[in-house]
Amino acid sequence: MFGGGYVGRAAALEALRRGGSATATSRDPDRRAALTAEGIVAIDPVDAVALSEGLAQASAVLITAAPDSRGCPGLRALAQTAAASSVWPDWIGYISSTAVYGDRGGGWVFEGDALNAATLEGARRARAERDWLDGGPGMGLTVQIFRLPGIYGPGRSVVDRLKDGSARLVRKPGQVFNRIHVEDVVSGLFASMAWPHPGAVYNLVDDEPAPADVVMAWAADRLGLPLPREVDLDDPDVSDAMRRFYLDSKRISNARAKAELGWRPKYPTYREGLSSEG
């Protein structure tokens, strides 16, 4: 896992649960210590020797690290390492974002649609996708792209924000988007490892796009808590990451992942997913 964050850690733990081993990168020493405590081999991505050893032993590589101004740091680091050893695993997965589609005015979006990223982050994801898909075949790589919407799960959901009092209610008429539970992300990745389609792009999203305020109201009612304070989108209490979600309105299809990978989300809507969070 090039990137031992929320998704990388979850994928690594699933590999361990299945009887395998997992290596994840992190620049943060505390993060590496936490990963190690869970049985995950944690390495610093600037350690070329450790990176080379991990790559040589891997049957799959997942890239979750966010792109920067120069593109995908995972591609840069791993390409240099592999060039020295001529070793690549059988499966490469790149985690991208549905932000590459931009705003669709609430319309449906499919993987073959033109990209129209409206944010710097979305544009960088689109560039990283191109770099992997353009460079992958030339290096004999079986690269798959996974476009994810807002990810939630244990410790990272509206349930947690309602409980700790940090939630804020933002209403934007007509705005709608998908979500995905982290467990469903991981199950989609492992489904692809079992049935690779080199060059394929998949939307890993839930079945029911919904407005954020509707989800917030449902969660508050279920928890027996009052609705949080309503704020405008430009309120300082609204994080930059959350504000970016409100820029786009679209409904994203997951039909390709279901048809080609046999994948089905365990939590098809926010209701099942948030109910599992307590």
C-alpha atoms as a PDB file:
ATOM      1  CA  MET A   1       0.000   0.000   0.000  1.00  0.00           C
ATOM      2  CA  PHE A   2       1.699   3.175  -1.134  1.00  0.00           C
ATOM      3  CA  GLY A   3      -0.049   5.312   1.460  1.00  0.00           C
ATOM      4  CA  GLY A   4      -1.010   3.899   4.842  1.00  0.00           C
ATOM      5  CA  GLY A   5      -3.935   6.222   5.499  1.00  0.00           C
ATOM      6  CA  TYR A   6      -7.586   5.388   6.013  1.00  0.00           C
ATOM      7  CA  VAL A   7      -8.102   3.266   2.888  1.00  0.00           C
ATOM      8  CA  GLY A   8      -4.564   1.859   2.776  1.00  0.00           C
ATOM      9  CA  ARG A   9      -4.778   0.676   6.383  1.00  0.00           C
ATOM     10  CA  ALA A  10      -8.198  -0.909   5.801  1.00  0.00           C
ATOM     11  CA  ALA A  11      -6.945  -2.767   2.729  1.00  0.00           C
ATOM     12  CA  ALA A  12      -3.840  -3.916   4.582  1.00  0.00           C
ATOM     13  CA  LEU A  13      -5.902  -5.268   7.475  1.00  0.00           C
ATOM     14  CA  GLU A  14      -8.107  -7.162   5.036  1.00  0.00           C
ATOM     15  CA  ALA A  15      -5.015  -8.748   3.485  1.00  0.00           C
ATOM     16  CA  LEU A  16      -3.955  -9.887   6.948  1.00  0.00           C
ATOM     17  CA  ARG A  17      -7.438 -11.203   7.681  1.00  0.00           C
ATOM     18  CA  ARG A  18      -7.215 -13.311   4.524  1.00  0.00           C
ATOM     19  CA  GLY A  19      -3.970 -14.872   5.697  1.00  0.00           C
ATOM     20  CA  GLY A  20      -1.604 -12.723   3.669  1.00  0.00           C
ATOM     21  CA  SER A  21       0.902 -10.060   4.585  1.00  0.00           C
ATOM     22  CA  ALA A  22       0.823  -6.327   3.994  1.00  0.00           C
ATOM     23  CA  THR A  23       3.295  -3.477   3.730  1.00  0.00           C
ATOM     24  CA  ALA A  24       2.245   0.168   3.898  1.00  0.00           C
ATOM     25  CA  THR A  25       4.174   3.401   3.519  1.00  0.00           C
ATOM     26  CA  SER A  26       3.960   6.496   5.692  1.00  0.00           C
ATOM     27  CA  ARG A  27       6.232   9.459   6.254  1.00  0.00           C
ATOM     28  CA  ASP A  28       4.882   9.888   9.796  1.00  0.00           C
ATOM     29  CA  PRO A  29       6.874   7.889  12.404  1.00  0.00           C
ATOM     30  CA  ASP A  30       3.866   7.724  14.743  1.00  0.00           C
ATOM     31  CA  ARG A  31       1.702   6.432  11.930  1.00  0.00           C
ATOM     32  CA  ARG A  32       4.283   3.791  11.063  1.00  0.00           C
ATOM     33  CA  ALA A  33       4.360   2.698  14.707  1.00  0.00           C
ATOM     34  CA  ALA A  34       0.565   2.387  14.771  1.00  0.00           C
ATOM     35  CA  LEU A  35       0.565   0.317  11.574  1.00  0.00           C
ATOM     36  CA  THR A  36       3.303  -1.934  12.920  1.00  0.00           C
ATOM     37  CA  ALA A  37       1.301  -2.537  16.095  1.00  0.00           C
ATOM     38  CA  GLU A  38      -1.508  -3.927  13.925  1.00  0.00           C
ATOM     39  CA  GLY A  39       0.787  -6.389  12.163  1.00  0.00           C
ATOM     40  CA  ILE A  40       1.380  -4.294   9.059  1.00  0.00           C
ATOM     41  CA  VAL A  41       4.956  -3.826   7.844  1.00  0.00           C
ATOM     42  CA  ALA A  42       5.389  -0.054   7.814  1.00  0.00           C
ATOM     43  CA  ILE A  43       8.130   1.686   5.861  1.00  0.00           C
ATOM     44  CA  ASP A  44       9.165   5.229   5.042  1.00  0.00           C
ATOM     45  CA  PRO A  45       8.544   5.846   1.317  1.00  0.00           C
ATOM     46  CA  VAL A  46      11.912   7.579   1.001  1.00  0.00           C
ATOM     47  CA  ASP A  47      13.671   4.362   2.090  1.00  0.00           C
ATOM     48  CA  ALA A  48      14.526   3.004  -1.357  1.00  0.00           C
ATOM     49  CA  VAL A  49      15.897  -0.291  -0.027  1.00  0.00           C
ATOM     50  CA  ALA A  50      12.796  -1.078   2.050  1.00  0.00           C
ATOM     51  CA  LEU A  51      10.558   0.014  -0.814  1.00  0.00           C
ATOM     52  CA  SER A  52      12.391  -2.259  -3.236  1.00  0.00           C
ATOM     53  CA  GLU A  53      12.164  -5.218  -0.856  1.00  0.00           C
ATOM     54  CA  GLY A  54       8.457  -4.647  -0.310  1.00  0.00           C
ATOM     55  CA  LEU A  55       7.798  -4.368  -4.032  1.00  0.00           C
ATOM     56  CA  ALA A  56       9.740  -7.538  -4.776  1.00  0.00           C
ATOM     57  CA  GLN A  57       7.544  -9.516  -2.366  1.00  0.00           C
ATOM     58  CA  ALA A  58       4.211  -8.025  -3.415  1.00  0.00           C
ATOM     59  CA  SER A  59       1.576  -9.691  -5.579  1.00  0.00           C
ATOM     60  CA  ALA A  60      -0.460  -6.458  -5.622  1.00  0.00           C
ATOM     61  CA  VAL A  61       0.250  -2.766  -5.155  1.00  0.00           C
ATOM     62  CA  LEU A  62      -2.379  -0.219  -4.147  1.00  0.00           C
ATOM     63  CA  ILE A  63      -1.680   3.487  -4.553  1.00  0.00           C
ATOM     64  CA  THR A  64      -3.686   5.663  -2.171  1.00  0.00           C
ATOM     65  CA  ALA A  65      -1.303   8.610  -1.775  1.00  0.00           C
ATOM     66  CA  ALA A  66      -2.730  11.885  -3.078  1.00  0.00           C
ATOM     67  CA  PRO A  67      -1.066  13.423  -6.137  1.00  0.00           C
ATOM     68  CA  ASP A  68       0.989  16.577  -5.843  1.00  0.00           C
ATOM     69  CA  SER A  69       1.981  19.271  -8.310  1.00  0.00           C
ATOM     70  CA  ARG A  70       4.335  16.834 -10.061  1.00  0.00           C
ATOM     71  CA  GLY A  71       1.836  13.997 -10.386  1.00  0.00           C
ATOM     72  CA  CYS A  72       1.559  10.756  -8.448  1.00  0.00           C
ATOM     73  CA  PRO A  73       4.326  10.291  -5.845  1.00  0.00           C
ATOM     74  CA  GLY A  74       3.668   6.562  -5.865  1.00  0.00           C
ATOM     75  CA  LEU A  75       4.348   6.303  -9.576  1.00  0.00           C
ATOM     76  CA  ARG A  76       7.584   8.273  -9.235  1.00  0.00           C
ATOM     77  CA  ALA A  77       8.883   6.242  -6.308  1.00  0.00           C
ATOM     78  CA  LEU A  78       7.817   2.823  -7.514  1.00  0.00           C
ATOM     79  CA  ALA A  79       8.932   3.385 -11.111  1.00  0.00           C
ATOM     80  CA  GLN A  80      12.441   4.242  -9.912  1.00  0.00           C
ATOM     81  CA  THR A  81      12.498   1.238  -7.609  1.00  0.00           C
ATOM     82  CA  ALA A  82      11.159  -1.161 -10.214  1.00  0.00           C
ATOM     83  CA  ALA A  83      13.529   0.138 -12.847  1.00  0.00           C
ATOM     84  CA  ALA A  84      16.418  -0.965 -10.678  1.00  0.00           C
ATOM     85  CA  SER A  85      15.001  -4.411  -9.983  1.00  0.00           C
ATOM     86  CA  SER A  86      12.764  -5.039 -13.010  1.00  0.00           C
ATOM     87  CA  VAL A  87      10.093  -6.331 -10.648  1.00  0.00           C
ATOM     88  CA  TRP A  88       6.416  -5.430 -10.776  1.00  0.00           C
ATOM     89  CA  PRO A  89       3.518  -7.282  -9.177  1.00  0.00           C
ATOM     90  CA  ASP A  90       0.599  -8.715 -11.151  1.00  0.00           C
ATOM     91  CA  TRP A  91      -1.954  -6.118 -10.023  1.00  0.00           C
ATOM     92  CA  ILE A  92      -1.728  -2.339  -9.646  1.00  0.00           C
ATOM     93  CA  GLY A  93      -4.650  -0.329  -8.289  1.00  0.00           C
ATOM     94  CA  TYR A  94      -4.757   3.462  -8.282  1.00  0.00           C
ATOM     95  CA  ILE A  95      -7.211   5.234  -5.973  1.00  0.00           C
ATOM     96  CA  SER A  96      -8.659   8.278  -7.702  1.00  0.00           C
ATOM     97  CA  SER A  97     -11.678  10.464  -6.984  1.00  0.00           C
ATOM     98  CA  THR A  98     -15.074  11.148  -8.521  1.00  0.00           C
ATOM     99  CA  ALA A  99     -13.959  14.798  -8.385  1.00  0.00           C
ATOM    100  CA  VAL A 100     -12.445  14.179 -11.835  1.00  0.00           C
ATOM    101  CA  TYR A 101     -15.986  14.398 -13.287  1.00  0.00           C
ATOM    102  CA  GLY A 102     -16.707  17.881 -11.971  1.00  0.00           C
ATOM    103  CA  ASP A 103     -20.239  19.207 -11.627  1.00  0.00           C
ATOM    104  CA  ARG A 104     -22.989  17.469 -13.635  1.00  0.00           C
ATOM    105  CA  GLY A 105     -25.998  19.385 -12.327  1.00  0.00           C
ATOM    106  CA  GLY A 106     -27.354  16.308 -10.591  1.00  0.00           C
ATOM    107  CA  GLY A 107     -27.116  14.127 -13.705  1.00  0.00           C
ATOM    108  CA  TRP A 108     -25.807  10.569 -13.915  1.00  0.00           C
ATOM    109  CA  VAL A 109     -22.111   9.931 -14.525  1.00  0.00           C
ATOM    110  CA  PHE A 110     -20.449   6.833 -16.016  1.00  0.00           C
ATOM    111  CA  GLU A 111     -16.780   5.859 -16.301  1.00  0.00           C
ATOM    112  CA  GLY A 112     -16.612   6.598 -20.024  1.00  0.00           C
ATOM    113  CA  ASP A 113     -17.868  10.159 -19.666  1.00  0.00           C
ATOM    114  CA  ALA A 114     -15.525  13.056 -20.347  1.00  0.00           C
ATOM    115  CA  LEU A 115     -13.678  14.424 -17.331  1.00  0.00           C
ATOM    116  CA  ASN A 116     -14.268  18.002 -16.255  1.00  0.00           C
ATOM    117  CA  ALA A 117     -12.596  18.502 -12.880  1.00  0.00           C
ATOM    118  CA  ALA A 118     -13.554  21.806 -11.266  1.00  0.00           C
ATOM    119  CA  THR A 119     -10.959  21.772  -8.480  1.00  0.00           C
ATOM    120  CA  LEU A 120      -7.174  21.607  -8.316  1.00  0.00           C
ATOM    121  CA  GLU A 121      -7.423  18.300  -6.439  1.00  0.00           C
ATOM    122  CA  GLY A 122      -9.696  16.832  -9.106  1.00  0.00           C
ATOM    123  CA  ALA A 123      -7.417  18.007 -11.904  1.00  0.00           C
ATOM    124  CA  ARG A 124      -4.405  16.426 -10.203  1.00  0.00           C
ATOM    125  CA  ARG A 125      -6.296  13.139  -9.862  1.00  0.00           C
ATOM    126  CA  ALA A 126      -7.170  13.219 -13.566  1.00  0.00           C
ATOM    127  CA  ARG A 127      -3.519  13.807 -14.455  1.00  0.00           C
ATOM    128  CA  ALA A 128      -2.372  10.975 -12.193  1.00  0.00           C
ATOM    129  CA  GLU A 129      -4.879   8.635 -13.824  1.00  0.00           C
ATOM    130  CA  ARG A 130      -3.499   9.501 -17.261  1.00  0.00           C
ATOM    131  CA  ASP A 131       0.065   8.981 -16.093  1.00  0.00           C
ATOM    132  CA  TRP A 132      -0.724   5.506 -14.744  1.00  0.00           C
ATOM    133  CA  LEU A 133      -2.806   4.443 -17.739  1.00  0.00           C
ATOM    134  CA  ASP A 134      -0.355   5.866 -20.279  1.00  0.00           C
ATOM    135  CA  GLY A 135       2.763   4.528 -18.579  1.00  0.00           C
ATOM    136  CA  GLY A 136       1.390   1.256 -17.285  1.00  0.00           C
ATOM    137  CA  PRO A 137       1.075  -0.717 -20.542  1.00  0.00           C
ATOM    138  CA  GLY A 138       4.562   0.294 -21.618  1.00  0.00           C
ATOM    139  CA  MET A 139       5.929  -1.214 -18.406  1.00  0.00           C
ATOM    140  CA  GLY A 140       3.750  -4.306 -18.692  1.00  0.00           C
ATOM    141  CA  LEU A 141       1.554  -3.258 -15.781  1.00  0.00           C
ATOM    142  CA  THR A 142      -2.027  -4.327 -15.149  1.00  0.00           C
ATOM    143  CA  VAL A 143      -3.294  -0.985 -13.875  1.00  0.00           C
ATOM    144  CA  GLN A 144      -6.866  -0.445 -12.690  1.00  0.00           C
ATOM    145  CA  ILE A 145      -8.327   2.914 -11.645  1.00  0.00           C
ATOM    146  CA  PHE A 146     -10.873   3.272  -8.833  1.00  0.00           C
ATOM    147  CA  ARG A 147     -12.808   6.527  -8.539  1.00  0.00           C
ATOM    148  CA  LEU A 148     -14.165   7.075  -5.039  1.00  0.00           C
ATOM    149  CA  PRO A 149     -16.610   9.645  -3.636  1.00  0.00           C
ATOM    150  CA  GLY A 150     -16.696  10.708   0.020  1.00  0.00           C
ATOM    151  CA  ILE A 151     -15.431   7.799   2.132  1.00  0.00           C
ATOM    152  CA  TYR A 152     -16.868   7.097   5.564  1.00  0.00           C
ATOM    153  CA  GLY A 153     -16.600   4.370   8.181  1.00  0.00           C
ATOM    154  CA  PRO A 154     -15.424   3.819  11.764  1.00  0.00           C
ATOM    155  CA  GLY A 155     -14.122   7.059  13.220  1.00  0.00           C
ATOM    156  CA  ARG A 156     -14.909   8.980  10.062  1.00  0.00           C
ATOM    157  CA  SER A 157     -18.617   9.641   9.551  1.00  0.00           C
ATOM    158  CA  VAL A 158     -21.423  12.053  10.301  1.00  0.00           C
ATOM    159  CA  VAL A 159     -22.220   9.857  13.318  1.00  0.00           C
ATOM    160  CA  ASP A 160     -18.867  10.724  14.884  1.00  0.00           C
ATOM    161  CA  ARG A 161     -19.312  14.434  14.135  1.00  0.00           C
ATOM    162  CA  LEU A 162     -22.815  14.483  15.624  1.00  0.00           C
ATOM    163  CA  LYS A 163     -21.622  12.740  18.766  1.00  0.00           C
ATOM    164  CA  ASP A 164     -18.634  15.022  19.348  1.00  0.00           C
ATOM    165  CA  GLY A 165     -20.536  18.188  18.439  1.00  0.00           C
ATOM    166  CA  SER A 166     -18.417  19.122  15.404  1.00  0.00           C
ATOM    167  CA  ALA A 167     -21.170  18.511  12.824  1.00  0.00           C
ATOM    168  CA  ARG A 168     -22.603  21.462  10.908  1.00  0.00           C
ATOM    169  CA  LEU A 169     -25.710  21.469   8.730  1.00  0.00           C
ATOM    170  CA  VAL A 170     -25.338  22.947   5.236  1.00  0.00           C
ATOM    171  CA  ARG A 171     -28.309  23.103   2.894  1.00  0.00           C
ATOM    172  CA  LYS A 172     -27.725  23.487  -0.834  1.00  0.00           C
ATOM    173  CA  PRO A 173     -30.938  22.960  -2.833  1.00  0.00           C
ATOM    174  CA  GLY A 174     -30.541  20.468  -5.674  1.00  0.00           C
ATOM    175  CA  GLN A 175     -27.124  19.265  -4.522  1.00  0.00           C
ATOM    176  CA  VAL A 176     -26.640  15.498  -4.395  1.00  0.00           C
ATOM    177  CA  PHE A 177     -23.680  13.106  -4.317  1.00  0.00           C
ATOM    178  CA  ASN A 178     -22.678   9.530  -3.567  1.00  0.00           C
ATOM    179  CA  ARG A 179     -20.745   8.080  -0.663  1.00  0.00           C
ATOM    180  CA  ILE A 180     -18.951   4.803  -0.003  1.00  0.00           C
ATOM    181  CA  HIS A 181     -18.238   2.869   3.171  1.00  0.00           C
ATOM    182  CA  VAL A 182     -14.570   1.972   3.587  1.00  0.00           C
ATOM    183  CA  GLU A 183     -15.445  -1.748   3.818  1.00  0.00           C
ATOM    184  CA  ASP A 184     -17.083  -1.539   0.396  1.00  0.00           C
ATOM    185  CA  VAL A 185     -14.017   0.164  -1.045  1.00  0.00           C
ATOM    186  CA  VAL A 186     -11.853  -2.695   0.193  1.00  0.00           C
ATOM    187  CA  SER A 187     -14.214  -5.412  -1.057  1.00  0.00           C
ATOM    188  CA  GLY A 188     -14.186  -3.775  -4.498  1.00  0.00           C
ATOM    189  CA  LEU A 189     -10.398  -3.713  -4.569  1.00  0.00           C
ATOM    190  CA  PHE A 190     -10.113  -7.382  -3.646  1.00  0.00           C
ATOM    191  CA  ALA A 191     -12.774  -8.266  -6.219  1.00  0.00           C
ATOM    192  CA  SER A 192     -10.574  -6.599  -8.843  1.00  0.00           C
ATOM    193  CA  MET A 193      -7.496  -8.477  -7.639  1.00  0.00           C
ATOM    194  CA  ALA A 194      -9.413 -11.713  -8.158  1.00  0.00           C
ATOM    195  CA  TRP A 195     -10.620 -10.634 -11.599  1.00  0.00           C
ATOM    196  CA  PRO A 196      -8.195  -8.067 -13.091  1.00  0.00           C
ATOM    197  CA  HIS A 197      -9.135  -5.988 -16.112  1.00  0.00           C
ATOM    198  CA  PRO A 198      -6.000  -4.074 -17.175  1.00  0.00           C
ATOM    199  CA  GLY A 199      -6.793  -0.478 -18.001  1.00  0.00           C
ATOM    200  CA  ALA A 200     -10.274  -0.616 -16.490  1.00  0.00           C
ATOM    201  CA  VAL A 201     -11.774   2.298 -14.589  1.00  0.00           C
ATOM    202  CA  TYR A 202     -14.396   1.707 -11.898  1.00  0.00           C
ATOM    203  CA  ASN A 203     -16.668   3.925  -9.857  1.00  0.00           C
ATOM    204  CA  LEU A 204     -16.813   2.397  -6.384  1.00  0.00           C
ATOM    205  CA  VAL A 205     -19.834   4.207  -4.981  1.00  0.00           C
ATOM    206  CA  ASP A 206     -23.024   3.362  -3.118  1.00  0.00           C
ATOM    207  CA  ASP A 207     -26.415   2.791  -4.745  1.00  0.00           C
ATOM    208  CA  GLU A 208     -28.207   5.911  -3.530  1.00  0.00           C
ATOM    209  CA  PRO A 209     -26.823   9.419  -4.044  1.00  0.00           C
ATOM    210  CA  ALA A 210     -28.424  11.779  -1.547  1.00  0.00           C
ATOM    211  CA  PRO A 211     -28.263  15.402  -0.323  1.00  0.00           C
ATOM    212  CA  ALA A 212     -25.933  15.960   2.625  1.00  0.00           C
ATOM    213  CA  ASP A 213     -28.610  17.630   4.761  1.00  0.00           C
ATOM    214  CA  VAL A 214     -30.949  14.648   4.290  1.00  0.00           C
ATOM    215  CA  VAL A 215     -28.212  12.284   5.478  1.00  0.00           C
ATOM    216  CA  MET A 216     -27.456  14.545   8.438  1.00  0.00           C
ATOM    217  CA  ALA A 217     -31.125  14.719   9.448  1.00  0.00           C
ATOM    218  CA  TRP A 218     -31.535  10.941   9.198  1.00  0.00           C
ATOM    219  CA  ALA A 219     -28.448  10.286  11.333  1.00  0.00           C
ATOM    220  CA  ALA A 220     -29.437  12.830  13.988  1.00  0.00           C
ATOM    221  CA  ASP A 221     -32.929  11.376  14.236  1.00  0.00           C
ATOM    222  CA  ARG A 222     -31.580   7.845  14.584  1.00  0.00           C
ATOM    223  CA  LEU A 223     -29.193   8.899  17.329  1.00  0.00           C
ATOM    224  CA  GLY A 224     -31.851  10.900  19.113  1.00  0.00           C
ATOM    225  CA  LEU A 225     -29.770  14.059  18.812  1.00  0.00           C
ATOM    226  CA  PRO A 226     -30.845  17.538  17.710  1.00  0.00           C
ATOM    227  CA  LEU A 227     -29.844  18.808  14.305  1.00  0.00           C
ATOM    228  CA  PRO A 228     -26.534  20.663  14.449  1.00  0.00           C
ATOM    229  CA  ARG A 229     -26.224  24.375  13.865  1.00  0.00           C
ATOM    230  CA  GLU A 230     -27.075  25.363  10.294  1.00  0.00           C
ATOM    231  CA  VAL A 231     -24.359  27.354   8.548  1.00  0.00           C
ATOM    232  CA  ASP A 232     -23.619  28.787   5.130  1.00  0.00           C
ATOM    233  CA  LEU A 233     -21.164  27.023   2.874  1.00  0.00           C
ATOM    234  CA  ASP A 234     -18.581  29.776   3.392  1.00  0.00           C
ATOM    235  CA  ASP A 235     -18.763  29.533   7.186  1.00  0.00           C
ATOM    236  CA  PRO A 236     -15.310  29.006   8.786  1.00  0.00           C
ATOM    237  CA  ASP A 237     -16.648  25.908  10.556  1.00  0.00           C
ATOM    238  CA  VAL A 238     -17.063  24.161   7.174  1.00  0.00           C
ATOM    239  CA  SER A 239     -13.774  22.455   6.301  1.00  0.00           C
ATOM    240  CA  ASP A 240     -12.145  22.937   2.913  1.00  0.00           C
ATOM    241  CA  ALA A 241     -12.551  19.227   2.207  1.00  0.00           C
ATOM    242  CA  MET A 242     -16.277  19.351   2.954  1.00  0.00           C
ATOM    243  CA  ARG A 243     -16.689  22.550   0.966  1.00  0.00           C
ATOM    244  CA  ARG A 244     -15.253  20.839  -2.108  1.00  0.00           C
ATOM    245  CA  PHE A 245     -17.973  18.181  -1.943  1.00  0.00           C
ATOM    246  CA  TYR A 246     -20.615  20.885  -2.200  1.00  0.00           C
ATOM    247  CA  LEU A 247     -19.129  22.283  -5.409  1.00  0.00           C
ATOM    248  CA  ASP A 248     -20.342  19.314  -7.454  1.00  0.00           C
ATOM    249  CA  SER A 249     -23.776  17.753  -7.839  1.00  0.00           C
ATOM    250  CA  LYS A 250     -23.949  14.395  -9.584  1.00  0.00           C
ATOM    251  CA  ARG A 251     -25.282  10.868  -9.428  1.00  0.00           C
ATOM    252  CA  ILE A 252     -22.580   8.272 -10.070  1.00  0.00           C
ATOM    253  CA  SER A 253     -23.222   4.842 -11.540  1.00  0.00           C
ATOM    254  CA  ASN A 254     -21.546   1.738 -10.088  1.00  0.00           C
ATOM    255  CA  ALA A 255     -22.968  -0.587 -12.756  1.00  0.00           C
ATOM    256  CA  ARG A 256     -19.593  -1.430 -14.321  1.00  0.00           C
ATOM    257  CA  ALA A 257     -18.044  -2.629 -11.054  1.00  0.00           C
ATOM    258  CA  LYS A 258     -21.091  -4.766 -10.394  1.00  0.00           C
ATOM    259  CA  ALA A 259     -21.110  -6.265 -13.888  1.00  0.00           C
ATOM    260  CA  GLU A 260     -17.367  -6.862 -14.362  1.00  0.00           C
ATOM    261  CA  LEU A 261     -16.248  -7.638 -10.809  1.00  0.00           C
ATOM    262  CA  GLY A 262     -19.375  -9.179  -9.344  1.00  0.00           C
ATOM    263  CA  TRP A 263     -19.070  -6.537  -6.612  1.00  0.00           C
ATOM    264  CA  ARG A 264     -22.015  -5.584  -4.447  1.00  0.00           C
ATOM    265  CA  PRO A 265     -21.760  -2.999  -1.668  1.00  0.00           C
ATOM    266  CA  LYS A 266     -22.435  -4.388   1.788  1.00  0.00           C
ATOM    267  CA  TYR A 267     -23.837  -0.953   2.624  1.00  0.00           C
ATOM    268  CA  PRO A 268     -25.835   0.040  -0.489  1.00  0.00           C
ATOM    269  CA  THR A 269     -27.080   3.302   1.064  1.00  0.00           C
ATOM    270  CA  TYR A 270     -26.055   5.677   3.821  1.00  0.00           C
ATOM    271  CA  ARG A 271     -28.739   4.172   6.055  1.00  0.00           C
ATOM    272  CA  GLU A 272     -27.102   0.730   6.256  1.00  0.00           C
ATOM    273  CA  GLY A 273     -23.647   2.242   6.473  1.00  0.00           C
ATOM    274  CA  LEU A 274     -24.388   4.711   9.243  1.00  0.00           C
ATOM    275  CA  SER A 275     -26.426   2.150  11.163  1.00  0.00           C
ATOM    276  CA  SER A 276     -23.268   0.025  11.374  1.00  0.00           C
ATOM    277  CA  GLU A 277     -21.435   2.944  12.989  1.00  0.00           C
ATOM    278  CA  GLY A 278     -23.568   2.943  16.133  1.00  0.00           C
END
